Protein backbone atom coordinates (compact mmCIF):
# COMPACT_ATOMS: atom_id res chain seq x y z
CA UNK A 1 -0.17 -0.03 0.00
CA UNK A 2 1.50 3.42 -0.93
CA UNK A 3 1.68 6.38 1.26
CA UNK A 4 -0.86 8.44 -0.85
CA UNK A 5 -3.54 5.67 -0.62
CA UNK A 6 -3.77 6.03 3.30
CA UNK A 7 -6.50 8.44 4.43
CA UNK A 8 -7.00 9.27 8.10
CA UNK A 9 -10.27 10.59 9.30
CA UNK A 10 -10.84 12.30 12.59
CA UNK A 11 -14.02 11.99 14.45
CA UNK A 12 -15.16 14.12 17.15
CA UNK A 13 -17.63 12.84 19.42
CA UNK A 14 -19.18 14.49 22.68
CA UNK A 15 -20.27 12.92 25.68
CA UNK A 16 -22.51 14.27 28.43
CA UNK A 17 -20.99 14.02 31.83
CA UNK A 18 -22.46 13.78 35.33
CA UNK A 19 -20.39 15.77 37.95
CA UNK A 20 -20.97 15.54 41.72
CA UNK A 21 -19.12 17.73 44.41
CA UNK A 22 -18.37 16.23 47.76
CA UNK A 23 -16.05 17.27 50.68
CA UNK A 24 -13.18 15.17 48.95
CA UNK A 25 -13.45 16.91 45.61
CA UNK A 26 -15.47 15.99 42.36
CA UNK A 27 -16.69 12.70 41.02
CA UNK A 28 -17.56 12.45 37.42
CA UNK A 29 -19.09 9.59 35.15
CA UNK A 30 -20.43 9.32 31.72
CA UNK A 31 -24.00 8.02 31.70
CA UNK A 32 -23.49 6.79 28.17
CA UNK A 33 -20.39 4.61 28.78
CA UNK A 34 -21.13 2.14 31.59
CA UNK A 35 -18.23 2.07 34.20
CA UNK A 36 -16.51 5.19 32.85
CA UNK A 37 -15.74 7.25 36.13
CA UNK A 38 -13.25 9.53 37.30
CA UNK A 39 -12.47 12.06 40.04
CA UNK A 40 -10.38 15.12 40.97
CA UNK A 41 -9.92 17.69 43.58
CA UNK A 42 -11.10 20.51 41.46
CA UNK A 43 -14.06 20.48 38.68
CA UNK A 44 -11.22 21.41 36.05
CA UNK A 45 -8.99 18.33 37.20
CA UNK A 46 -12.08 15.84 37.19
CA UNK A 47 -13.08 16.99 33.62
CA UNK A 48 -9.66 16.46 32.43
CA UNK A 49 -9.44 13.06 34.02
CA UNK A 50 -12.78 12.06 32.75
CA UNK A 51 -11.59 13.18 29.24
CA UNK A 52 -8.59 10.84 29.49
CA UNK A 53 -10.81 8.23 30.94
CA UNK A 54 -13.33 8.26 27.97
CA UNK A 55 -10.19 8.08 25.66
CA UNK A 56 -9.00 4.97 27.36
CA UNK A 57 -12.55 3.49 27.61
CA UNK A 58 -13.06 3.98 23.74
CA UNK A 59 -9.58 2.56 22.97
CA UNK A 60 -10.48 -0.86 25.05
CA UNK A 61 -13.88 -0.94 23.26
CA UNK A 62 -12.35 -0.65 19.93
CA UNK A 63 -9.63 -3.14 20.63
CA UNK A 64 -12.20 -5.61 21.80
CA UNK A 65 -14.39 -4.95 18.92
CA UNK A 66 -11.71 -5.03 16.14
CA UNK A 67 -8.74 -6.52 17.65
CA UNK A 68 -5.03 -5.98 16.76
CA UNK A 69 -5.35 -7.47 13.29
CA UNK A 70 -2.01 -7.67 11.53
CA UNK A 71 -1.72 -8.56 7.63
CA UNK A 72 -0.71 -12.18 7.21
CA UNK A 73 -0.32 -11.55 3.47
CA UNK A 74 2.83 -13.03 2.02
CA UNK A 75 5.42 -10.33 1.08
């Protein structure tokens, strides 16, 4: 496959998050992604942490769905 035939598409998705303040800081979760939760001492830190958690969550889902397939075609 030559370099000109590769096309990269960037997809931007937005997820609603639930944020809860407590004495310890902030907890945050994504209702649309079961089990995707995080926390932070400040609201900003919690939101940054959940953004990372969403990326990791989607990466795992993608890996489970598509696997890490490598080409086994003869050279």
